PDB file of all heavy atoms in Angstrom:
ATOM      1  N   ALA A   1       0.843  -1.214  -0.014  1.00  0.00           N
ATOM      2  CA  ALA A   1      -0.002   0.009  -0.009  1.00  0.00           C
ATOM      3  C   ALA A   1       0.817   1.301  -0.019  1.00  0.00           C
ATOM      4  O   ALA A   1       0.587   2.246  -0.772  1.00  0.00           O
ATOM      5  CB  ALA A   1      -0.979  -0.017   1.197  1.00  0.00           C
ATOM      6  N   GLU A   2       1.872   1.293   0.854  1.00  0.00           N
ATOM      7  CA  GLU A   2       2.708   2.508   0.897  1.00  0.00           C
ATOM      8  C   GLU A   2       3.450   2.773  -0.366  1.00  0.00           C
ATOM      9  O   GLU A   2       3.574   3.912  -0.854  1.00  0.00           O
ATOM     10  CB  GLU A   2       3.654   2.394   2.060  1.00  0.00           C
ATOM     11  CG  GLU A   2       3.072   2.491   3.467  1.00  0.00           C
ATOM     12  CD  GLU A   2       4.038   2.520   4.575  1.00  0.00           C
ATOM     13  OE1 GLU A   2       5.292   2.455   4.269  1.00  0.00           O
ATOM     14  OE2 GLU A   2       3.626   2.493   5.781  1.00  0.00           O
ATOM     15  N   GLU A   3       3.919   1.669  -1.008  1.00  0.00           N
ATOM     16  CA  GLU A   3       4.661   1.795  -2.252  1.00  0.00           C
ATOM     17  C   GLU A   3       3.701   2.286  -3.304  1.00  0.00           C
ATOM     18  O   GLU A   3       4.021   3.222  -4.136  1.00  0.00           O
ATOM     19  CB  GLU A   3       5.145   0.437  -2.670  1.00  0.00           C
ATOM     20  CG  GLU A   3       6.347  -0.118  -1.885  1.00  0.00           C
ATOM     21  CD  GLU A   3       6.750  -1.492  -2.379  1.00  0.00           C
ATOM     22  OE1 GLU A   3       5.882  -2.259  -2.825  1.00  0.00           O
ATOM     23  OE2 GLU A   3       7.924  -1.780  -2.396  1.00  0.00           O
ATOM     24  N   ALA A   4       2.510   1.702  -3.354  1.00  0.00           N
ATOM     25  CA  ALA A   4       1.593   2.073  -4.419  1.00  0.00           C
ATOM     26  C   ALA A   4       1.174   3.567  -4.356  1.00  0.00           C
ATOM     27  O   ALA A   4       0.996   4.214  -5.328  1.00  0.00           O
ATOM     28  CB  ALA A   4       0.304   1.114  -4.368  1.00  0.00           C
ATOM     29  N   LEU A   5       0.918   3.982  -3.122  1.00  0.00           N
ATOM     30  CA  LEU A   5       0.520   5.390  -2.934  1.00  0.00           C
ATOM     31  C   LEU A   5       1.616   6.357  -3.309  1.00  0.00           C
ATOM     32  O   LEU A   5       1.349   7.340  -4.041  1.00  0.00           O
ATOM     33  CB  LEU A   5       0.205   5.633  -1.470  1.00  0.00           C
ATOM     34  CG  LEU A   5      -0.281   7.049  -1.041  1.00  0.00           C
ATOM     35  CD1 LEU A   5      -1.487   7.466  -1.977  1.00  0.00           C
ATOM     36  CD2 LEU A   5      -0.660   7.160   0.335  1.00  0.00           C
ATOM     37  N   LYS A   6       2.880   6.084  -2.973  1.00  0.00           N
ATOM     38  CA  LYS A   6       3.956   6.906  -3.391  1.00  0.00           C
ATOM     39  C   LYS A   6       4.108   6.984  -4.897  1.00  0.00           C
ATOM     40  O   LYS A   6       4.311   8.039  -5.483  1.00  0.00           O
ATOM     41  CB  LYS A   6       5.314   6.414  -2.735  1.00  0.00           C
ATOM     42  CG  LYS A   6       6.467   7.301  -3.003  1.00  0.00           C
ATOM     43  CD  LYS A   6       7.675   6.836  -2.283  1.00  0.00           C
ATOM     44  CE  LYS A   6       8.873   7.731  -2.471  1.00  0.00           C
ATOM     45  NZ  LYS A   6      10.127   7.287  -1.680  1.00  0.00           N
ATOM     46  N   MET A   7       4.029   5.810  -5.519  1.00  0.00           N
ATOM     47  CA  MET A   7       4.143   5.697  -6.989  1.00  0.00           C
ATOM     48  C   MET A   7       3.020   6.419  -7.688  1.00  0.00           C
ATOM     49  O   MET A   7       3.207   7.139  -8.632  1.00  0.00           O
ATOM     50  CB  MET A   7       4.215   4.236  -7.363  1.00  0.00           C
ATOM     51  CG  MET A   7       5.472   3.530  -6.895  1.00  0.00           C
ATOM     52  SD  MET A   7       5.313   1.721  -6.950  1.00  0.00           S
ATOM     53  CE  MET A   7       5.440   1.427  -8.710  1.00  0.00           C
ATOM     54  N   ALA A   8       1.760   6.274  -7.165  1.00  0.00           N
ATOM     55  CA  ALA A   8       0.674   6.932  -7.792  1.00  0.00           C
ATOM     56  C   ALA A   8       0.769   8.431  -7.653  1.00  0.00           C
ATOM     57  O   ALA A   8       0.470   9.187  -8.639  1.00  0.00           O
ATOM     58  CB  ALA A   8      -0.655   6.388  -7.175  1.00  0.00           C
ATOM     59  N   ALA A   9       1.133   8.883  -6.449  1.00  0.00           N
ATOM     60  CA  ALA A   9       1.223  10.364  -6.172  1.00  0.00           C
ATOM     61  C   ALA A   9       2.272  10.986  -7.052  1.00  0.00           C
ATOM     62  O   ALA A   9       2.065  12.045  -7.663  1.00  0.00           O
ATOM     63  CB  ALA A   9       1.436  10.668  -4.774  1.00  0.00           C
ATOM     64  N   GLN A  10       3.444  10.385  -7.133  1.00  0.00           N
ATOM     65  CA  GLN A  10       4.503  10.902  -7.988  1.00  0.00           C
ATOM     66  C   GLN A  10       4.196  10.942  -9.469  1.00  0.00           C
ATOM     67  O   GLN A  10       4.508  11.833 -10.178  1.00  0.00           O
ATOM     68  CB  GLN A  10       5.883  10.154  -7.699  1.00  0.00           C
ATOM     69  CG  GLN A  10       7.013  10.645  -8.553  1.00  0.00           C
ATOM     70  CD  GLN A  10       7.368  12.118  -8.386  1.00  0.00           C
ATOM     71  OE1 GLN A  10       7.219  12.644  -7.257  1.00  0.00           O
ATOM     72  NE2 GLN A  10       7.725  12.873  -9.430  1.00  0.00           N
ATOM     73  N   THR A  11       3.465   9.841  -9.841  1.00  0.00           N
ATOM     74  CA  THR A  11       3.087   9.816 -11.253  1.00  0.00           C
ATOM     75  C   THR A  11       2.063  10.907 -11.530  1.00  0.00           C
ATOM     76  O   THR A  11       2.121  11.564 -12.615  1.00  0.00           O
ATOM     77  CB  THR A  11       2.405   8.407 -11.577  1.00  0.00           C
ATOM     78  OG1 THR A  11       3.387   7.421 -11.299  1.00  0.00           O
ATOM     79  CG2 THR A  11       1.970   8.303 -12.989  1.00  0.00           C
ATOM     80  N   ALA A  12       1.161  11.194 -10.630  1.00  0.00           N
ATOM     81  CA  ALA A  12       0.202  12.271 -10.842  1.00  0.00           C
ATOM     82  C   ALA A  12       0.877  13.603 -10.867  1.00  0.00           C
ATOM     83  O   ALA A  12       0.577  14.461 -11.695  1.00  0.00           O
ATOM     84  CB  ALA A  12      -0.837  12.224  -9.710  1.00  0.00           C
ATOM     85  N   LYS A  13       1.888  13.808  -9.979  1.00  0.00           N
ATOM     86  CA  LYS A  13       2.624  15.033  -9.957  1.00  0.00           C
ATOM     87  C   LYS A  13       3.411  15.207 -11.298  1.00  0.00           C
ATOM     88  O   LYS A  13       3.433  16.297 -11.894  1.00  0.00           O
ATOM     89  CB  LYS A  13       3.626  15.031  -8.772  1.00  0.00           C
ATOM     90  CG  LYS A  13       4.500  16.295  -8.680  1.00  0.00           C
ATOM     91  CD  LYS A  13       5.381  16.205  -7.455  1.00  0.00           C
ATOM     92  CE  LYS A  13       6.124  17.504  -7.272  1.00  0.00           C
ATOM     93  NZ  LYS A  13       7.063  17.820  -8.309  1.00  0.00           N
ATOM     94  N   GLY A  14       3.940  14.161 -11.768  1.00  0.00           N
ATOM     95  CA  GLY A  14       4.690  14.195 -13.075  1.00  0.00           C
ATOM     96  C   GLY A  14       3.743  14.573 -14.217  1.00  0.00           C
ATOM     97  O   GLY A  14       4.098  15.355 -15.088  1.00  0.00           O
ATOM     98  N   ALA A  15       2.594  13.976 -14.224  1.00  0.00           N
ATOM     99  CA  ALA A  15       1.548  14.293 -15.260  1.00  0.00           C
ATOM    100  C   ALA A  15       1.244  15.744 -15.216  1.00  0.00           C
ATOM    101  O   ALA A  15       1.115  16.405 -16.262  1.00  0.00           O
ATOM    102  CB  ALA A  15       0.342  13.395 -15.059  1.00  0.00           C
ATOM    103  N   ALA A  16       0.954  16.300 -14.056  1.00  0.00           N
ATOM    104  CA  ALA A  16       0.646  17.688 -13.915  1.00  0.00           C
ATOM    105  C   ALA A  16       1.733  18.580 -14.384  1.00  0.00           C
ATOM    106  O   ALA A  16       1.534  19.605 -15.096  1.00  0.00           O
ATOM    107  CB  ALA A  16       0.224  18.089 -12.499  1.00  0.00           C
ATOM    108  N   ASP A  17       2.948  18.251 -13.983  1.00  0.00           N
ATOM    109  CA  ASP A  17       4.101  19.080 -14.399  1.00  0.00           C
ATOM    110  C   ASP A  17       4.340  19.083 -15.906  1.00  0.00           C
ATOM    111  O   ASP A  17       4.831  20.034 -16.483  1.00  0.00           O
ATOM    112  CB  ASP A  17       5.384  18.626 -13.611  1.00  0.00           C
ATOM    113  CG  ASP A  17       5.347  19.093 -12.221  1.00  0.00           C
ATOM    114  OD1 ASP A  17       4.615  19.955 -11.862  1.00  0.00           O
ATOM    115  OD2 ASP A  17       6.182  18.549 -11.413  1.00  0.00           O
ATOM    116  N   LEU A  18       4.056  17.937 -16.533  1.00  0.00           N
ATOM    117  CA  LEU A  18       4.141  17.937 -18.016  1.00  0.00           C
ATOM    118  C   LEU A  18       3.305  18.956 -18.683  1.00  0.00           C
ATOM    119  O   LEU A  18       3.690  19.642 -19.602  1.00  0.00           O
ATOM    120  CB  LEU A  18       3.728  16.551 -18.591  1.00  0.00           C
ATOM    121  CG  LEU A  18       4.746  15.351 -18.475  1.00  0.00           C
ATOM    122  CD1 LEU A  18       4.055  14.075 -18.881  1.00  0.00           C
ATOM    123  CD2 LEU A  18       5.960  15.688 -19.373  1.00  0.00           C
ATOM    124  N   LEU A  19       2.070  19.110 -18.161  1.00  0.00           N
ATOM    125  CA  LEU A  19       1.115  20.115 -18.719  1.00  0.00           C
ATOM    126  C   LEU A  19       1.552  21.485 -18.342  1.00  0.00           C
ATOM    127  O   LEU A  19       1.518  22.416 -19.215  1.00  0.00           O
ATOM    128  CB  LEU A  19      -0.290  19.864 -18.167  1.00  0.00           C
ATOM    129  CG  LEU A  19      -0.865  18.440 -18.422  1.00  0.00           C
ATOM    130  CD1 LEU A  19      -2.311  18.419 -17.933  1.00  0.00           C
ATOM    131  CD2 LEU A  19      -0.774  18.055 -19.865  1.00  0.00           C
ATOM    132  N   LEU A  20       2.003  21.748 -17.111  1.00  0.00           N
ATOM    133  CA  LEU A  20       2.345  23.084 -16.682  1.00  0.00           C
ATOM    134  C   LEU A  20       3.672  23.559 -17.223  1.00  0.00           C
ATOM    135  O   LEU A  20       3.795  24.740 -17.682  1.00  0.00           O
ATOM    136  CB  LEU A  20       2.307  23.109 -15.154  1.00  0.00           C
ATOM    137  CG  LEU A  20       0.973  22.936 -14.433  1.00  0.00           C
ATOM    138  CD1 LEU A  20       1.185  22.819 -12.947  1.00  0.00           C
ATOM    139  CD2 LEU A  20       0.055  24.101 -14.755  1.00  0.00           C
ATOM    140  N   GLN A  21       4.640  22.722 -17.239  1.00  0.00           N
ATOM    141  CA  GLN A  21       5.988  23.110 -17.705  1.00  0.00           C
ATOM    142  C   GLN A  21       6.089  23.126 -19.182  1.00  0.00           C
ATOM    143  O   GLN A  21       6.905  23.969 -19.732  1.00  0.00           O
ATOM    144  CB  GLN A  21       7.024  22.257 -17.003  1.00  0.00           C
ATOM    145  CG  GLN A  21       7.106  22.326 -15.548  1.00  0.00           C
ATOM    146  CD  GLN A  21       8.216  21.498 -14.862  1.00  0.00           C
ATOM    147  OE1 GLN A  21       9.129  21.135 -15.544  1.00  0.00           O
ATOM    148  NE2 GLN A  21       8.040  21.121 -13.621  1.00  0.00           N
ATOM    149  N   LEU A  22       5.440  22.228 -19.849  1.00  0.00           N
ATOM    150  CA  LEU A  22       5.528  22.202 -21.347  1.00  0.00           C
ATOM    151  C   LEU A  22       4.406  22.912 -22.031  1.00  0.00           C
ATOM    152  O   LEU A  22       4.373  23.005 -23.236  1.00  0.00           O
ATOM    153  CB  LEU A  22       5.566  20.714 -21.802  1.00  0.00           C
ATOM    154  CG  LEU A  22       6.647  19.848 -21.260  1.00  0.00           C
ATOM    155  CD1 LEU A  22       6.588  18.459 -21.835  1.00  0.00           C
ATOM    156  CD2 LEU A  22       8.045  20.465 -21.579  1.00  0.00           C
ATOM    157  N   ALA A  23       3.506  23.451 -21.201  1.00  0.00           N
ATOM    158  CA  ALA A  23       2.241  24.139 -21.805  1.00  0.00           C
ATOM    159  C   ALA A  23       1.587  23.197 -22.835  1.00  0.00           C
ATOM    160  O   ALA A  23       1.165  23.555 -23.885  1.00  0.00           O
ATOM    161  CB  ALA A  23       2.582  25.458 -22.407  1.00  0.00           C
ATOM    162  N   SER A  24       1.523  21.898 -22.449  1.00  0.00           N
ATOM    163  CA  SER A  24       1.033  20.878 -23.330  1.00  0.00           C
ATOM    164  C   SER A  24      -0.422  20.602 -23.071  1.00  0.00           C
ATOM    165  O   SER A  24      -1.042  21.103 -22.089  1.00  0.00           O
ATOM    166  CB  SER A  24       1.890  19.627 -23.139  1.00  0.00           C
ATOM    167  OG  SER A  24       1.431  18.597 -24.112  1.00  0.00           O
ATOM    168  N   HIS A  25      -1.088  19.788 -23.907  1.00  0.00           N
ATOM    169  CA  HIS A  25      -2.468  19.468 -23.729  1.00  0.00           C
ATOM    170  C   HIS A  25      -2.495  17.981 -23.271  1.00  0.00           C
ATOM    171  O   HIS A  25      -1.693  17.125 -23.723  1.00  0.00           O
ATOM    172  CB  HIS A  25      -3.221  19.523 -25.105  1.00  0.00           C
ATOM    173  CG  HIS A  25      -4.687  19.443 -24.925  1.00  0.00           C
ATOM    174  ND1 HIS A  25      -5.347  18.180 -24.894  1.00  0.00           N
ATOM    175  CD2 HIS A  25      -5.696  20.324 -24.808  1.00  0.00           C
ATOM    176  CE1 HIS A  25      -6.625  18.321 -24.782  1.00  0.00           C
ATOM    177  NE2 HIS A  25      -6.884  19.635 -24.739  1.00  0.00           N
ATOM    178  N   PRO A  26      -3.457  17.582 -22.413  1.00  0.00           N
ATOM    179  CA  PRO A  26      -3.539  16.244 -21.946  1.00  0.00           C
ATOM    180  C   PRO A  26      -3.551  15.175 -22.980  1.00  0.00           C
ATOM    181  O   PRO A  26      -2.780  14.182 -22.910  1.00  0.00           O
ATOM    182  CB  PRO A  26      -4.798  16.186 -21.092  1.00  0.00           C
ATOM    183  CG  PRO A  26      -5.003  17.623 -20.591  1.00  0.00           C
ATOM    184  CD  PRO A  26      -4.487  18.507 -21.711  1.00  0.00           C
ATOM    185  N   GLU A  27      -4.303  15.370 -24.021  1.00  0.00           N
ATOM    186  CA  GLU A  27      -4.393  14.395 -25.106  1.00  0.00           C
ATOM    187  C   GLU A  27      -3.073  14.203 -25.873  1.00  0.00           C
ATOM    188  O   GLU A  27      -2.770  13.123 -26.269  1.00  0.00           O
ATOM    189  CB  GLU A  27      -5.610  14.717 -26.051  1.00  0.00           C
ATOM    190  CG  GLU A  27      -6.945  14.545 -25.439  1.00  0.00           C
ATOM    191  CD  GLU A  27      -7.202  13.159 -24.865  1.00  0.00           C
ATOM    192  OE1 GLU A  27      -6.737  12.185 -25.430  1.00  0.00           O
ATOM    193  OE2 GLU A  27      -7.862  13.142 -23.769  1.00  0.00           O
ATOM    194  N   HIS A  28      -2.335  15.270 -25.920  1.00  0.00           N
ATOM    195  CA  HIS A  28      -1.037  15.243 -26.668  1.00  0.00           C
ATOM    196  C   HIS A  28      -0.126  14.284 -25.850  1.00  0.00           C
ATOM    197  O   HIS A  28       0.565  13.472 -26.386  1.00  0.00           O
ATOM    198  CB  HIS A  28      -0.484  16.614 -26.776  1.00  0.00           C
ATOM    199  CG  HIS A  28       0.928  16.617 -27.410  1.00  0.00           C
ATOM    200  ND1 HIS A  28       1.155  16.277 -28.759  1.00  0.00           N
ATOM    201  CD2 HIS A  28       2.152  16.924 -26.853  1.00  0.00           C
ATOM    202  CE1 HIS A  28       2.476  16.374 -28.960  1.00  0.00           C
ATOM    203  NE2 HIS A  28       3.029  16.742 -27.902  1.00  0.00           N
ATOM    204  N   GLU A  29      -0.095  14.460 -24.548  1.00  0.00           N
ATOM    205  CA  GLU A  29       0.761  13.658 -23.688  1.00  0.00           C
ATOM    206  C   GLU A  29       0.201  12.209 -23.601  1.00  0.00           C
ATOM    207  O   GLU A  29       1.015  11.259 -23.466  1.00  0.00           O
ATOM    208  CB  GLU A  29       0.861  14.293 -22.298  1.00  0.00           C
ATOM    209  CG  GLU A  29       1.504  15.679 -22.279  1.00  0.00           C
ATOM    210  CD  GLU A  29       2.866  15.693 -22.891  1.00  0.00           C
ATOM    211  OE1 GLU A  29       3.697  14.729 -22.720  1.00  0.00           O
ATOM    212  OE2 GLU A  29       3.221  16.681 -23.491  1.00  0.00           O
ATOM    213  N   ILE A  30      -1.064  12.046 -23.607  1.00  0.00           N
ATOM    214  CA  ILE A  30      -1.679  10.701 -23.609  1.00  0.00           C
ATOM    215  C   ILE A  30      -1.279   9.967 -24.843  1.00  0.00           C
ATOM    216  O   ILE A  30      -0.943   8.756 -24.850  1.00  0.00           O
ATOM    217  CB  ILE A  30      -3.260  10.766 -23.518  1.00  0.00           C
ATOM    218  CG1 ILE A  30      -3.627  11.191 -22.054  1.00  0.00           C
ATOM    219  CG2 ILE A  30      -3.883   9.456 -23.882  1.00  0.00           C
ATOM    220  CD1 ILE A  30      -5.116  11.485 -21.921  1.00  0.00           C
ATOM    221  N   ASP A  31      -1.281  10.680 -26.014  1.00  0.00           N
ATOM    222  CA  ASP A  31      -0.911  10.023 -27.312  1.00  0.00           C
ATOM    223  C   ASP A  31       0.495   9.445 -27.183  1.00  0.00           C
ATOM    224  O   ASP A  31       0.790   8.479 -27.897  1.00  0.00           O
ATOM    225  CB  ASP A  31      -1.013  11.037 -28.414  1.00  0.00           C
ATOM    226  CG  ASP A  31      -2.490  11.333 -28.826  1.00  0.00           C
ATOM    227  OD1 ASP A  31      -3.396  10.542 -28.424  1.00  0.00           O
ATOM    228  OD2 ASP A  31      -2.679  12.268 -29.557  1.00  0.00           O
ATOM    229  N   LYS A  32       1.343  10.046 -26.432  1.00  0.00           N
ATOM    230  CA  LYS A  32       2.769   9.604 -26.401  1.00  0.00           C
ATOM    231  C   LYS A  32       2.877   8.249 -25.742  1.00  0.00           C
ATOM    232  O   LYS A  32       3.930   7.580 -25.839  1.00  0.00           O
ATOM    233  CB  LYS A  32       3.590  10.629 -25.608  1.00  0.00           C
ATOM    234  CG  LYS A  32       3.783  11.939 -26.319  1.00  0.00           C
ATOM    235  CD  LYS A  32       4.650  12.958 -25.468  1.00  0.00           C
ATOM    236  CE  LYS A  32       4.877  14.228 -26.106  1.00  0.00           C
ATOM    237  NZ  LYS A  32       5.638  15.213 -25.347  1.00  0.00           N
TER     238      LYS A  32
END
């Protein structure tokens, strides 16, 4: 459980930073 939560939270943070730092669109990043 602790591993899964840390991995999920960091993955979510990375996803948000992709959009904010690259000024990208979610579907563009999903396509990758």
